[in-house]
Amino acid sequence: TRVLQGKTEKHNGYDMVGIGSYNIISVCDGKV
C-alpha cells in the first residue's frame, strides 16, 4: 500500500532506478 497523488492504492511492484545504467535487462530466461 502507498499514497500517490493523495490517493491510497496497492502498488504491485517496485519502482526503481539503475545507478550507472538505464539499460533494463531480463532477470530470468523466458519468452516475451
mmCIF file of all heavy atoms, coordinates in Angstrom:
data_MODEL
# 
_entry.id   MODEL 
# 
loop_
_atom_site.group_PDB 
_atom_site.id 
_atom_site.type_symbol 
_atom_site.label_atom_id 
_atom_site.label_alt_id 
_atom_site.label_comp_id 
_atom_site.label_asym_id 
_atom_site.label_entity_id 
_atom_site.label_seq_id 
_atom_site.pdbx_PDB_ins_code 
_atom_site.Cartn_x 
_atom_site.Cartn_y 
_atom_site.Cartn_z 
_atom_site.occupancy 
_atom_site.B_iso_or_equiv 
_atom_site.pdbx_formal_charge 
_atom_site.auth_seq_id 
_atom_site.auth_comp_id 
_atom_site.auth_asym_id 
_atom_site.auth_atom_id 
_atom_site.pdbx_PDB_model_num 
ATOM 1   N N   . THR A 1 1  ? 0.836  -1.201  0.000   1.00 0.00 ? 1  THR A N   1 
ATOM 2   C CA  . THR A 1 1  ? 0.000  0.000   0.000   1.00 0.00 ? 1  THR A CA  1 
ATOM 3   C C   . THR A 1 1  ? 0.868  1.248   0.000   1.00 0.00 ? 1  THR A C   1 
ATOM 4   O O   . THR A 1 1  ? 1.862  1.321   0.705   1.00 0.00 ? 1  THR A O   1 
ATOM 5   C CB  . THR A 1 1  ? -0.918 0.000   1.238   1.00 0.00 ? 1  THR A CB  1 
ATOM 6   O OG1 . THR A 1 1  ? -1.679 -1.205  1.234   1.00 0.00 ? 1  THR A OG1 1 
ATOM 7   C CG2 . THR A 1 1  ? -1.860 1.179   1.220   1.00 0.00 ? 1  THR A CG2 1 
ATOM 8   N N   . ARG A 1 2  ? 0.469  2.222   -0.818  1.00 0.00 ? 2  ARG A N   1 
ATOM 9   C CA  . ARG A 1 2  ? 1.172  3.502   -0.856  1.00 0.00 ? 2  ARG A CA  1 
ATOM 10  C C   . ARG A 1 2  ? 0.181  4.613   -1.136  1.00 0.00 ? 2  ARG A C   1 
ATOM 11  O O   . ARG A 1 2  ? -0.941 4.371   -1.578  1.00 0.00 ? 2  ARG A O   1 
ATOM 12  C CB  . ARG A 1 2  ? 2.269  3.495   -1.922  1.00 0.00 ? 2  ARG A CB  1 
ATOM 13  C CG  . ARG A 1 2  ? 1.727  3.528   -3.338  1.00 0.00 ? 2  ARG A CG  1 
ATOM 14  C CD  . ARG A 1 2  ? 2.827  3.656   -4.357  1.00 0.00 ? 2  ARG A CD  1 
ATOM 15  N NE  . ARG A 1 2  ? 2.267  3.707   -5.705  1.00 0.00 ? 2  ARG A NE  1 
ATOM 16  C CZ  . ARG A 1 2  ? 2.991  3.791   -6.802  1.00 0.00 ? 2  ARG A CZ  1 
ATOM 17  N NH1 . ARG A 1 2  ? 4.312  3.813   -6.711  1.00 0.00 ? 2  ARG A NH1 1 
ATOM 18  N NH2 . ARG A 1 2  ? 2.424  3.852   -7.976  1.00 0.00 ? 2  ARG A NH2 1 
ATOM 19  N N   . VAL A 1 3  ? 0.615  5.842   -0.897  1.00 0.00 ? 3  VAL A N   1 
ATOM 20  C CA  . VAL A 1 3  ? -0.187 7.022   -1.221  1.00 0.00 ? 3  VAL A CA  1 
ATOM 21  C C   . VAL A 1 3  ? 0.505  7.724   -2.383  1.00 0.00 ? 3  VAL A C   1 
ATOM 22  O O   . VAL A 1 3  ? 1.690  8.048   -2.311  1.00 0.00 ? 3  VAL A O   1 
ATOM 23  C CB  . VAL A 1 3  ? -0.315 7.973   -0.007  1.00 0.00 ? 3  VAL A CB  1 
ATOM 24  C CG1 . VAL A 1 3  ? -1.086 9.225   -0.399  1.00 0.00 ? 3  VAL A CG1 1 
ATOM 25  C CG2 . VAL A 1 3  ? -0.978 7.264   1.160   1.00 0.00 ? 3  VAL A CG2 1 
ATOM 26  N N   . LEU A 1 4  ? -0.255 7.923   -3.469  1.00 0.00 ? 4  LEU A N   1 
ATOM 27  C CA  . LEU A 1 4  ? 0.272  8.594   -4.657  1.00 0.00 ? 4  LEU A CA  1 
ATOM 28  C C   . LEU A 1 4  ? -0.741 9.641   -5.097  1.00 0.00 ? 4  LEU A C   1 
ATOM 29  O O   . LEU A 1 4  ? -1.908 9.312   -5.319  1.00 0.00 ? 4  LEU A O   1 
ATOM 30  C CB  . LEU A 1 4  ? 0.517  7.573   -5.773  1.00 0.00 ? 4  LEU A CB  1 
ATOM 31  C CG  . LEU A 1 4  ? 1.150  8.097   -7.051  1.00 0.00 ? 4  LEU A CG  1 
ATOM 32  C CD1 . LEU A 1 4  ? 2.566  8.619   -6.767  1.00 0.00 ? 4  LEU A CD1 1 
ATOM 33  C CD2 . LEU A 1 4  ? 1.225  7.003   -8.099  1.00 0.00 ? 4  LEU A CD2 1 
ATOM 34  N N   . GLN A 1 5  ? -0.296 10.891  -5.186  1.00 0.00 ? 5  GLN A N   1 
ATOM 35  C CA  . GLN A 1 5  ? -1.173 11.992  -5.563  1.00 0.00 ? 5  GLN A CA  1 
ATOM 36  C C   . GLN A 1 5  ? -2.397 12.065  -4.639  1.00 0.00 ? 5  GLN A C   1 
ATOM 37  O O   . GLN A 1 5  ? -3.516 12.299  -5.086  1.00 0.00 ? 5  GLN A O   1 
ATOM 38  C CB  . GLN A 1 5  ? -1.619 11.841  -7.022  1.00 0.00 ? 5  GLN A CB  1 
ATOM 39  C CG  . GLN A 1 5  ? -0.480 11.870  -8.015  1.00 0.00 ? 5  GLN A CG  1 
ATOM 40  C CD  . GLN A 1 5  ? 0.120  13.257  -8.165  1.00 0.00 ? 5  GLN A CD  1 
ATOM 41  O OE1 . GLN A 1 5  ? -0.588 14.229  -8.381  1.00 0.00 ? 5  GLN A OE1 1 
ATOM 42  N NE2 . GLN A 1 5  ? 1.423  13.363  -8.041  1.00 0.00 ? 5  GLN A NE2 1 
ATOM 43  N N   . GLY A 1 6  ? -2.180 11.781  -3.345  1.00 0.00 ? 6  GLY A N   1 
ATOM 44  C CA  . GLY A 1 6  ? -3.232 11.861  -2.344  1.00 0.00 ? 6  GLY A CA  1 
ATOM 45  C C   . GLY A 1 6  ? -4.183 10.676  -2.311  1.00 0.00 ? 6  GLY A C   1 
ATOM 46  O O   . GLY A 1 6  ? -5.133 10.661  -1.540  1.00 0.00 ? 6  GLY A O   1 
ATOM 47  N N   . LYS A 1 7  ? -3.924 9.665   -3.123  1.00 0.00 ? 7  LYS A N   1 
ATOM 48  C CA  . LYS A 1 7  ? -4.801 8.504   -3.212  1.00 0.00 ? 7  LYS A CA  1 
ATOM 49  C C   . LYS A 1 7  ? -4.072 7.259   -2.693  1.00 0.00 ? 7  LYS A C   1 
ATOM 50  O O   . LYS A 1 7  ? -2.964 6.952   -3.128  1.00 0.00 ? 7  LYS A O   1 
ATOM 51  C CB  . LYS A 1 7  ? -5.223 8.294   -4.669  1.00 0.00 ? 7  LYS A CB  1 
ATOM 52  C CG  . LYS A 1 7  ? -6.170 7.148   -4.887  1.00 0.00 ? 7  LYS A CG  1 
ATOM 53  C CD  . LYS A 1 7  ? -6.526 7.042   -6.359  1.00 0.00 ? 7  LYS A CD  1 
ATOM 54  C CE  . LYS A 1 7  ? -7.344 5.793   -6.617  1.00 0.00 ? 7  LYS A CE  1 
ATOM 55  N NZ  . LYS A 1 7  ? -7.551 5.575   -8.051  1.00 0.00 ? 7  LYS A NZ  1 
ATOM 56  N N   . THR A 1 8  ? -4.709 6.546   -1.754  1.00 0.00 ? 8  THR A N   1 
ATOM 57  C CA  . THR A 1 8  ? -4.134 5.301   -1.244  1.00 0.00 ? 8  THR A CA  1 
ATOM 58  C C   . THR A 1 8  ? -4.470 4.181   -2.214  1.00 0.00 ? 8  THR A C   1 
ATOM 59  O O   . THR A 1 8  ? -5.622 4.030   -2.638  1.00 0.00 ? 8  THR A O   1 
ATOM 60  C CB  . THR A 1 8  ? -4.705 4.974   0.149   1.00 0.00 ? 8  THR A CB  1 
ATOM 61  O OG1 . THR A 1 8  ? -4.381 6.058   1.031   1.00 0.00 ? 8  THR A OG1 1 
ATOM 62  C CG2 . THR A 1 8  ? -4.116 3.692   0.698   1.00 0.00 ? 8  THR A CG2 1 
ATOM 63  N N   . GLU A 1 9  ? -3.452 3.429   -2.598  1.00 0.00 ? 9  GLU A N   1 
ATOM 64  C CA  . GLU A 1 9  ? -3.634 2.349   -3.563  1.00 0.00 ? 9  GLU A CA  1 
ATOM 65  C C   . GLU A 1 9  ? -2.637 1.228   -3.316  1.00 0.00 ? 9  GLU A C   1 
ATOM 66  O O   . GLU A 1 9  ? -1.650 1.414   -2.619  1.00 0.00 ? 9  GLU A O   1 
ATOM 67  C CB  . GLU A 1 9  ? -3.482 2.872   -4.992  1.00 0.00 ? 9  GLU A CB  1 
ATOM 68  C CG  . GLU A 1 9  ? -2.098 3.442   -5.271  1.00 0.00 ? 9  GLU A CG  1 
ATOM 69  C CD  . GLU A 1 9  ? -1.960 4.076   -6.653  1.00 0.00 ? 9  GLU A CD  1 
ATOM 70  O OE1 . GLU A 1 9  ? -2.965 4.286   -7.339  1.00 0.00 ? 9  GLU A OE1 1 
ATOM 71  O OE2 . GLU A 1 9  ? -0.818 4.348   -7.029  1.00 0.00 ? 9  GLU A OE2 1 
ATOM 72  N N   . LYS A 1 10 ? -2.910 0.090   -3.907  1.00 0.00 ? 10 LYS A N   1 
ATOM 73  C CA  . LYS A 1 10 ? -1.990 -1.048  -3.830  1.00 0.00 ? 10 LYS A CA  1 
ATOM 74  C C   . LYS A 1 10 ? -0.978 -0.902  -4.950  1.00 0.00 ? 10 LYS A C   1 
ATOM 75  O O   . LYS A 1 10 ? -1.343 -0.628  -6.093  1.00 0.00 ? 10 LYS A O   1 
ATOM 76  C CB  . LYS A 1 10 ? -2.758 -2.360  -3.976  1.00 0.00 ? 10 LYS A CB  1 
ATOM 77  C CG  . LYS A 1 10 ? -1.860 -3.571  -3.861  1.00 0.00 ? 10 LYS A CG  1 
ATOM 78  C CD  . LYS A 1 10 ? -2.544 -4.675  -3.123  1.00 0.00 ? 10 LYS A CD  1 
ATOM 79  C CE  . LYS A 1 10 ? -1.689 -5.790  -2.737  1.00 0.00 ? 10 LYS A CE  1 
ATOM 80  N NZ  . LYS A 1 10 ? -0.874 -6.571  -3.334  1.00 0.00 ? 10 LYS A NZ  1 
ATOM 81  N N   . HIS A 1 11 ? 0.272  -1.057  -4.623  1.00 0.00 ? 11 HIS A N   1 
ATOM 82  C CA  . HIS A 1 11 ? 1.355  -0.997  -5.602  1.00 0.00 ? 11 HIS A CA  1 
ATOM 83  C C   . HIS A 1 11 ? 1.918  -2.409  -5.729  1.00 0.00 ? 11 HIS A C   1 
ATOM 84  O O   . HIS A 1 11 ? 2.450  -2.950  -4.763  1.00 0.00 ? 11 HIS A O   1 
ATOM 85  C CB  . HIS A 1 11 ? 2.436  -0.006  -5.138  1.00 0.00 ? 11 HIS A CB  1 
ATOM 86  C CG  . HIS A 1 11 ? 3.464  0.275   -6.168  1.00 0.00 ? 11 HIS A CG  1 
ATOM 87  N ND1 . HIS A 1 11 ? 4.802  0.088   -5.930  1.00 0.00 ? 11 HIS A ND1 1 
ATOM 88  C CD2 . HIS A 1 11 ? 3.364  0.731   -7.440  1.00 0.00 ? 11 HIS A CD2 1 
ATOM 89  C CE1 . HIS A 1 11 ? 5.486  0.421   -7.004  1.00 0.00 ? 11 HIS A CE1 1 
ATOM 90  N NE2 . HIS A 1 11 ? 4.633  0.820   -7.936  1.00 0.00 ? 11 HIS A NE2 1 
ATOM 91  N N   . ASN A 1 12 ? 1.778  -2.999  -6.896  1.00 0.00 ? 12 ASN A N   1 
ATOM 92  C CA  . ASN A 1 12 ? 2.084  -4.423  -7.091  1.00 0.00 ? 12 ASN A CA  1 
ATOM 93  C C   . ASN A 1 12 ? 3.516  -4.716  -7.496  1.00 0.00 ? 12 ASN A C   1 
ATOM 94  O O   . ASN A 1 12 ? 3.812  -5.831  -7.934  1.00 0.00 ? 12 ASN A O   1 
ATOM 95  C CB  . ASN A 1 12 ? 1.128  -5.023  -8.132  1.00 0.00 ? 12 ASN A CB  1 
ATOM 96  C CG  . ASN A 1 12 ? -0.280 -5.090  -7.619  1.00 0.00 ? 12 ASN A CG  1 
ATOM 97  O OD1 . ASN A 1 12 ? -0.517 -5.234  -6.430  1.00 0.00 ? 12 ASN A OD1 1 
ATOM 98  N ND2 . ASN A 1 12 ? -1.234 -4.981  -8.520  1.00 0.00 ? 12 ASN A ND2 1 
ATOM 99  N N   . GLY A 1 13 ? 4.402  -3.745  -7.364  1.00 0.00 ? 13 GLY A N   1 
ATOM 100 C CA  . GLY A 1 13 ? 5.795  -3.983  -7.743  1.00 0.00 ? 13 GLY A CA  1 
ATOM 101 C C   . GLY A 1 13 ? 6.721  -3.010  -7.044  1.00 0.00 ? 13 GLY A C   1 
ATOM 102 O O   . GLY A 1 13 ? 6.345  -2.368  -6.064  1.00 0.00 ? 13 GLY A O   1 
ATOM 103 N N   . TYR A 1 14 ? 7.941  -2.928  -7.555  1.00 0.00 ? 14 TYR A N   1 
ATOM 104 C CA  . TYR A 1 14 ? 8.932  -1.964  -7.098  1.00 0.00 ? 14 TYR A CA  1 
ATOM 105 C C   . TYR A 1 14 ? 9.078  -0.902  -8.181  1.00 0.00 ? 14 TYR A C   1 
ATOM 106 O O   . TYR A 1 14 ? 9.078  -1.219  -9.376  1.00 0.00 ? 14 TYR A O   1 
ATOM 107 C CB  . TYR A 1 14 ? 10.308 -2.610  -6.954  1.00 0.00 ? 14 TYR A CB  1 
ATOM 108 C CG  . TYR A 1 14 ? 10.582 -3.410  -5.711  1.00 0.00 ? 14 TYR A CG  1 
ATOM 109 C CD1 . TYR A 1 14 ? 11.803 -4.077  -5.584  1.00 0.00 ? 14 TYR A CD1 1 
ATOM 110 C CD2 . TYR A 1 14 ? 9.679  -3.531  -4.678  1.00 0.00 ? 14 TYR A CD2 1 
ATOM 111 C CE1 . TYR A 1 14 ? 12.107 -4.818  -4.458  1.00 0.00 ? 14 TYR A CE1 1 
ATOM 112 C CE2 . TYR A 1 14 ? 9.964  -4.272  -3.548  1.00 0.00 ? 14 TYR A CE2 1 
ATOM 113 C CZ  . TYR A 1 14 ? 11.188 -4.915  -3.446  1.00 0.00 ? 14 TYR A CZ  1 
ATOM 114 O OH  . TYR A 1 14 ? 11.468 -5.651  -2.332  1.00 0.00 ? 14 TYR A OH  1 
ATOM 115 N N   . ASP A 1 15 ? 9.263  0.344   -7.780  1.00 0.00 ? 15 ASP A N   1 
ATOM 116 C CA  . ASP A 1 15 ? 9.753  1.374   -8.678  1.00 0.00 ? 15 ASP A CA  1 
ATOM 117 C C   . ASP A 1 15 ? 11.227 1.540   -8.346  1.00 0.00 ? 15 ASP A C   1 
ATOM 118 O O   . ASP A 1 15 ? 11.604 1.603   -7.166  1.00 0.00 ? 15 ASP A O   1 
ATOM 119 C CB  . ASP A 1 15 ? 9.012  2.691   -8.477  1.00 0.00 ? 15 ASP A CB  1 
ATOM 120 C CG  . ASP A 1 15 ? 7.584  2.649   -9.002  1.00 0.00 ? 15 ASP A CG  1 
ATOM 121 O OD1 . ASP A 1 15 ? 7.231  1.690   -9.722  1.00 0.00 ? 15 ASP A OD1 1 
ATOM 122 O OD2 . ASP A 1 15 ? 6.821  3.581   -8.696  1.00 0.00 ? 15 ASP A OD2 1 
ATOM 123 N N   . MET A 1 16 ? 12.043 1.575   -9.392  1.00 0.00 ? 16 MET A N   1 
ATOM 124 C CA  . MET A 1 16 ? 13.490 1.599   -9.167  1.00 0.00 ? 16 MET A CA  1 
ATOM 125 C C   . MET A 1 16 ? 14.217 2.306   -10.300 1.00 0.00 ? 16 MET A C   1 
ATOM 126 O O   . MET A 1 16 ? 13.688 2.443   -11.400 1.00 0.00 ? 16 MET A O   1 
ATOM 127 C CB  . MET A 1 16 ? 14.031 0.178   -9.005  1.00 0.00 ? 16 MET A CB  1 
ATOM 128 C CG  . MET A 1 16 ? 13.750 -0.730  -10.180 1.00 0.00 ? 16 MET A CG  1 
ATOM 129 S SD  . MET A 1 16 ? 14.433 -2.410  -10.005 1.00 0.00 ? 16 MET A SD  1 
ATOM 130 C CE  . MET A 1 16 ? 13.540 -3.023  -8.641  1.00 0.00 ? 16 MET A CE  1 
ATOM 131 N N   . VAL A 1 17 ? 15.429 2.713   -9.967  1.00 0.00 ? 17 VAL A N   1 
ATOM 132 C CA  . VAL A 1 17 ? 16.310 3.391   -10.909 1.00 0.00 ? 17 VAL A CA  1 
ATOM 133 C C   . VAL A 1 17 ? 17.659 2.687   -10.865 1.00 0.00 ? 17 VAL A C   1 
ATOM 134 O O   . VAL A 1 17 ? 18.208 2.454   -9.788  1.00 0.00 ? 17 VAL A O   1 
ATOM 135 C CB  . VAL A 1 17 ? 16.481 4.879   -10.519 1.00 0.00 ? 17 VAL A CB  1 
ATOM 136 C CG1 . VAL A 1 17 ? 17.477 5.568   -11.434 1.00 0.00 ? 17 VAL A CG1 1 
ATOM 137 C CG2 . VAL A 1 17 ? 15.143 5.592   -10.530 1.00 0.00 ? 17 VAL A CG2 1 
ATOM 138 N N   . GLY A 1 18 ? 18.178 2.362   -12.040 1.00 0.00 ? 18 GLY A N   1 
ATOM 139 C CA  . GLY A 1 18 ? 19.521 1.788   -12.112 1.00 0.00 ? 18 GLY A CA  1 
ATOM 140 C C   . GLY A 1 18 ? 20.544 2.869   -11.850 1.00 0.00 ? 18 GLY A C   1 
ATOM 141 O O   . GLY A 1 18 ? 20.417 3.992   -12.343 1.00 0.00 ? 18 GLY A O   1 
ATOM 142 N N   . ILE A 1 19 ? 21.552 2.555   -11.068 1.00 0.00 ? 19 ILE A N   1 
ATOM 143 C CA  . ILE A 1 19 ? 22.625 3.511   -10.791 1.00 0.00 ? 19 ILE A CA  1 
ATOM 144 C C   . ILE A 1 19 ? 23.797 3.158   -11.704 1.00 0.00 ? 19 ILE A C   1 
ATOM 145 O O   . ILE A 1 19 ? 24.462 2.150   -11.516 1.00 0.00 ? 19 ILE A O   1 
ATOM 146 C CB  . ILE A 1 19 ? 23.035 3.473   -9.304  1.00 0.00 ? 19 ILE A CB  1 
ATOM 147 C CG1 . ILE A 1 19 ? 21.841 3.861   -8.432  1.00 0.00 ? 19 ILE A CG1 1 
ATOM 148 C CG2 . ILE A 1 19 ? 24.236 4.391   -9.053  1.00 0.00 ? 19 ILE A CG2 1 
ATOM 149 C CD1 . ILE A 1 19 ? 22.074 3.720   -6.955  1.00 0.00 ? 19 ILE A CD1 1 
ATOM 150 N N   . GLY A 1 20 ? 23.981 3.989   -12.722 1.00 0.00 ? 20 GLY A N   1 
ATOM 151 C CA  . GLY A 1 20 ? 25.063 3.755   -13.672 1.00 0.00 ? 20 GLY A CA  1 
ATOM 152 C C   . GLY A 1 20 ? 24.591 3.173   -14.990 1.00 0.00 ? 20 GLY A C   1 
ATOM 153 O O   . GLY A 1 20 ? 25.390 3.025   -15.918 1.00 0.00 ? 20 GLY A O   1 
ATOM 154 N N   . SER A 1 21 ? 23.307 2.834   -15.119 1.00 0.00 ? 21 SER A N   1 
ATOM 155 C CA  . SER A 1 21 ? 22.800 2.318   -16.385 1.00 0.00 ? 21 SER A CA  1 
ATOM 156 C C   . SER A 1 21 ? 21.290 2.500   -16.466 1.00 0.00 ? 21 SER A C   1 
ATOM 157 O O   . SER A 1 21 ? 20.582 2.288   -15.483 1.00 0.00 ? 21 SER A O   1 
ATOM 158 C CB  . SER A 1 21 ? 23.134 0.833   -16.549 1.00 0.00 ? 21 SER A CB  1 
ATOM 159 O OG  . SER A 1 21 ? 22.583 0.324   -17.747 1.00 0.00 ? 21 SER A OG  1 
ATOM 160 N N   . TYR A 1 22 ? 20.822 2.872   -17.639 1.00 0.00 ? 22 TYR A N   1 
ATOM 161 C CA  . TYR A 1 22 ? 19.386 2.934   -17.917 1.00 0.00 ? 22 TYR A CA  1 
ATOM 162 C C   . TYR A 1 22 ? 18.938 1.691   -18.681 1.00 0.00 ? 22 TYR A C   1 
ATOM 163 O O   . TYR A 1 22 ? 17.759 1.548   -18.985 1.00 0.00 ? 22 TYR A O   1 
ATOM 164 C CB  . TYR A 1 22 ? 19.049 4.172   -18.740 1.00 0.00 ? 22 TYR A CB  1 
ATOM 165 C CG  . TYR A 1 22 ? 19.044 5.483   -17.986 1.00 0.00 ? 22 TYR A CG  1 
ATOM 166 C CD1 . TYR A 1 22 ? 19.345 5.565   -16.640 1.00 0.00 ? 22 TYR A CD1 1 
ATOM 167 C CD2 . TYR A 1 22 ? 18.728 6.656   -18.642 1.00 0.00 ? 22 TYR A CD2 1 
ATOM 168 C CE1 . TYR A 1 22 ? 19.328 6.772   -15.963 1.00 0.00 ? 22 TYR A CE1 1 
ATOM 169 C CE2 . TYR A 1 22 ? 18.709 7.872   -17.974 1.00 0.00 ? 22 TYR A CE2 1 
ATOM 170 C CZ  . TYR A 1 22 ? 19.008 7.919   -16.638 1.00 0.00 ? 22 TYR A CZ  1 
ATOM 171 O OH  . TYR A 1 22 ? 18.979 9.123   -15.970 1.00 0.00 ? 22 TYR A OH  1 
ATOM 172 N N   . ASN A 1 23 ? 19.879 0.816   -19.024 1.00 0.00 ? 23 ASN A N   1 
ATOM 173 C CA  . ASN A 1 23 ? 19.556 -0.383  -19.796 1.00 0.00 ? 23 ASN A CA  1 
ATOM 174 C C   . ASN A 1 23 ? 18.898 -1.429  -18.911 1.00 0.00 ? 23 ASN A C   1 
ATOM 175 O O   . ASN A 1 23 ? 19.494 -1.906  -17.944 1.00 0.00 ? 23 ASN A O   1 
ATOM 176 C CB  . ASN A 1 23 ? 20.816 -0.965  -20.444 1.00 0.00 ? 23 ASN A CB  1 
ATOM 177 C CG  . ASN A 1 23 ? 21.359 -0.048  -21.516 1.00 0.00 ? 23 ASN A CG  1 
ATOM 178 O OD1 . ASN A 1 23 ? 20.611 0.433   -22.358 1.00 0.00 ? 23 ASN A OD1 1 
ATOM 179 N ND2 . ASN A 1 23 ? 22.658 0.201   -21.476 1.00 0.00 ? 23 ASN A ND2 1 
ATOM 180 N N   . ILE A 1 24 ? 17.670 -1.796  -19.255 1.00 0.00 ? 24 ILE A N   1 
ATOM 181 C CA  . ILE A 1 24 ? 16.895 -2.782  -18.499 1.00 0.00 ? 24 ILE A CA  1 
ATOM 182 C C   . ILE A 1 24 ? 17.193 -4.162  -19.058 1.00 0.00 ? 24 ILE A C   1 
ATOM 183 O O   . ILE A 1 24 ? 17.169 -4.371  -20.279 1.00 0.00 ? 24 ILE A O   1 
ATOM 184 C CB  . ILE A 1 24 ? 15.395 -2.456  -18.596 1.00 0.00 ? 24 ILE A CB  1 
ATOM 185 C CG1 . ILE A 1 24 ? 15.126 -1.097  -17.947 1.00 0.00 ? 24 ILE A CG1 1 
ATOM 186 C CG2 . ILE A 1 24 ? 14.556 -3.559  -17.966 1.00 0.00 ? 24 ILE A CG2 1 
ATOM 187 C CD1 . ILE A 1 24 ? 13.745 -0.539  -18.233 1.00 0.00 ? 24 ILE A CD1 1 
ATOM 188 N N   . ILE A 1 25 ? 17.456 -5.105  -18.149 1.00 0.00 ? 25 ILE A N   1 
ATOM 189 C CA  . ILE A 1 25 ? 17.771 -6.480  -18.560 1.00 0.00 ? 25 ILE A CA  1 
ATOM 190 C C   . ILE A 1 25 ? 16.795 -7.459  -17.917 1.00 0.00 ? 25 ILE A C   1 
ATOM 191 O O   . ILE A 1 25 ? 16.214 -7.191  -16.877 1.00 0.00 ? 25 ILE A O   1 
ATOM 192 C CB  . ILE A 1 25 ? 19.225 -6.861  -18.207 1.00 0.00 ? 25 ILE A CB  1 
ATOM 193 C CG1 . ILE A 1 25 ? 19.458 -6.805  -16.703 1.00 0.00 ? 25 ILE A CG1 1 
ATOM 194 C CG2 . ILE A 1 25 ? 20.223 -5.970  -18.954 1.00 0.00 ? 25 ILE A CG2 1 
ATOM 195 C CD1 . ILE A 1 25 ? 20.797 -7.376  -16.248 1.00 0.00 ? 25 ILE A CD1 1 
ATOM 196 N N   . SER A 1 26 ? 16.671 -8.598  -18.554 1.00 0.00 ? 26 SER A N   1 
ATOM 197 C CA  . SER A 1 26 ? 15.808 -9.655  -18.023 1.00 0.00 ? 26 SER A CA  1 
ATOM 198 C C   . SER A 1 26 ? 16.458 -10.299 -16.802 1.00 0.00 ? 26 SER A C   1 
ATOM 199 O O   . SER A 1 26 ? 17.663 -10.548 -16.790 1.00 0.00 ? 26 SER A O   1 
ATOM 200 C CB  . SER A 1 26 ? 15.563 -10.716 -19.099 1.00 0.00 ? 26 SER A CB  1 
ATOM 201 O OG  . SER A 1 26 ? 14.693 -11.716 -18.615 1.00 0.00 ? 26 SER A OG  1 
ATOM 202 N N   . VAL A 1 27 ? 15.653 -10.584 -15.786 1.00 0.00 ? 27 VAL A N   1 
ATOM 203 C CA  . VAL A 1 27 ? 16.168 -11.251 -14.585 1.00 0.00 ? 27 VAL A CA  1 
ATOM 204 C C   . VAL A 1 27 ? 15.995 -12.770 -14.677 1.00 0.00 ? 27 VAL A C   1 
ATOM 205 O O   . VAL A 1 27 ? 16.339 -13.487 -13.743 1.00 0.00 ? 27 VAL A O   1 
ATOM 206 C CB  . VAL A 1 27 ? 15.509 -10.721 -13.288 1.00 0.00 ? 27 VAL A CB  1 
ATOM 207 C CG1 . VAL A 1 27 ? 15.832 -9.245  -13.095 1.00 0.00 ? 27 VAL A CG1 1 
ATOM 208 C CG2 . VAL A 1 27 ? 14.022 -10.989 -13.253 1.00 0.00 ? 27 VAL A CG2 1 
ATOM 209 N N   . CYS A 1 28 ? 15.464 -13.254 -15.828 1.00 0.00 ? 28 CYS A N   1 
ATOM 210 C CA  . CYS A 1 28 ? 15.230 -14.686 -15.974 1.00 0.00 ? 28 CYS A CA  1 
ATOM 211 C C   . CYS A 1 28 ? 15.256 -15.079 -17.449 1.00 0.00 ? 28 CYS A C   1 
ATOM 212 O O   . CYS A 1 28 ? 15.174 -14.238 -18.331 1.00 0.00 ? 28 CYS A O   1 
ATOM 213 C CB  . CYS A 1 28 ? 13.871 -15.065 -15.371 1.00 0.00 ? 28 CYS A CB  1 
ATOM 214 S SG  . CYS A 1 28 ? 12.474 -14.309 -16.243 1.00 0.00 ? 28 CYS A SG  1 
ATOM 215 N N   . ASP A 1 29 ? 15.358 -16.367 -17.684 1.00 0.00 ? 29 ASP A N   1 
ATOM 216 C CA  . ASP A 1 29 ? 15.155 -16.911 -19.020 1.00 0.00 ? 29 ASP A CA  1 
ATOM 217 C C   . ASP A 1 29 ? 13.654 -16.986 -19.267 1.00 0.00 ? 29 ASP A C   1 
ATOM 218 O O   . ASP A 1 29 ? 12.876 -17.232 -18.328 1.00 0.00 ? 29 ASP A O   1 
ATOM 219 C CB  . ASP A 1 29 ? 15.720 -18.329 -19.128 1.00 0.00 ? 29 ASP A CB  1 
ATOM 220 C CG  . ASP A 1 29 ? 17.239 -18.404 -18.969 1.00 0.00 ? 29 ASP A CG  1 
ATOM 221 O OD1 . ASP A 1 29 ? 17.905 -17.347 -19.043 1.00 0.00 ? 29 ASP A OD1 1 
ATOM 222 O OD2 . ASP A 1 29 ? 17.745 -19.517 -18.771 1.00 0.00 ? 29 ASP A OD2 1 
ATOM 223 N N   . GLY A 1 30 ? 13.238 -16.780 -20.502 1.00 0.00 ? 30 GLY A N   1 
ATOM 224 C CA  . GLY A 1 30 ? 11.818 -16.882 -20.804 1.00 0.00 ? 30 GLY A CA  1 
ATOM 225 C C   . GLY A 1 30 ? 11.494 -16.434 -22.207 1.00 0.00 ? 30 GLY A C   1 
ATOM 226 O O   . GLY A 1 30 ? 12.370 -16.340 -23.070 1.00 0.00 ? 30 GLY A O   1 
ATOM 227 N N   . LYS A 1 31 ? 10.218 -16.150 -22.414 1.00 0.00 ? 31 LYS A N   1 
ATOM 228 C CA  . LYS A 1 31 ? 9.714  -15.728 -23.715 1.00 0.00 ? 31 LYS A CA  1 
ATOM 229 C C   . LYS A 1 31 ? 8.938  -14.427 -23.556 1.00 0.00 ? 31 LYS A C   1 
ATOM 230 O O   . LYS A 1 31 ? 8.123  -14.291 -22.635 1.00 0.00 ? 31 LYS A O   1 
ATOM 231 C CB  . LYS A 1 31 ? 8.805  -16.798 -24.294 1.00 0.00 ? 31 LYS A CB  1 
ATOM 232 C CG  . LYS A 1 31 ? 8.322  -16.498 -25.685 1.00 0.00 ? 31 LYS A CG  1 
ATOM 233 C CD  . LYS A 1 31 ? 7.536  -17.675 -26.244 1.00 0.00 ? 31 LYS A CD  1 
ATOM 234 C CE  . LYS A 1 31 ? 7.570  -17.598 -27.754 1.00 0.00 ? 31 LYS A CE  1 
ATOM 235 N NZ  . LYS A 1 31 ? 7.532  -18.889 -28.370 1.00 0.00 ? 31 LYS A NZ  1 
ATOM 236 N N   . VAL A 1 32 ? 9.183  -13.468 -24.438 1.00 0.00 ? 32 VAL A N   1 
ATOM 237 C CA  . VAL A 1 32 ? 8.462  -12.209 -24.429 1.00 0.00 ? 32 VAL A CA  1 
ATOM 238 C C   . VAL A 1 32 ? 7.027  -12.484 -24.906 1.00 0.00 ? 32 VAL A C   1 
ATOM 239 O O   . VAL A 1 32 ? 6.829  -12.974 -26.021 1.00 0.00 ? 32 VAL A O   1 
ATOM 240 C CB  . VAL A 1 32 ? 9.133  -11.153 -25.327 1.00 0.00 ? 32 VAL A CB  1 
ATOM 241 C CG1 . VAL A 1 32 ? 8.313  -9.867  -25.371 1.00 0.00 ? 32 VAL A CG1 1 
ATOM 242 C CG2 . VAL A 1 32 ? 10.559 -10.873 -24.857 1.00 0.00 ? 32 VAL A CG2 1 
# 
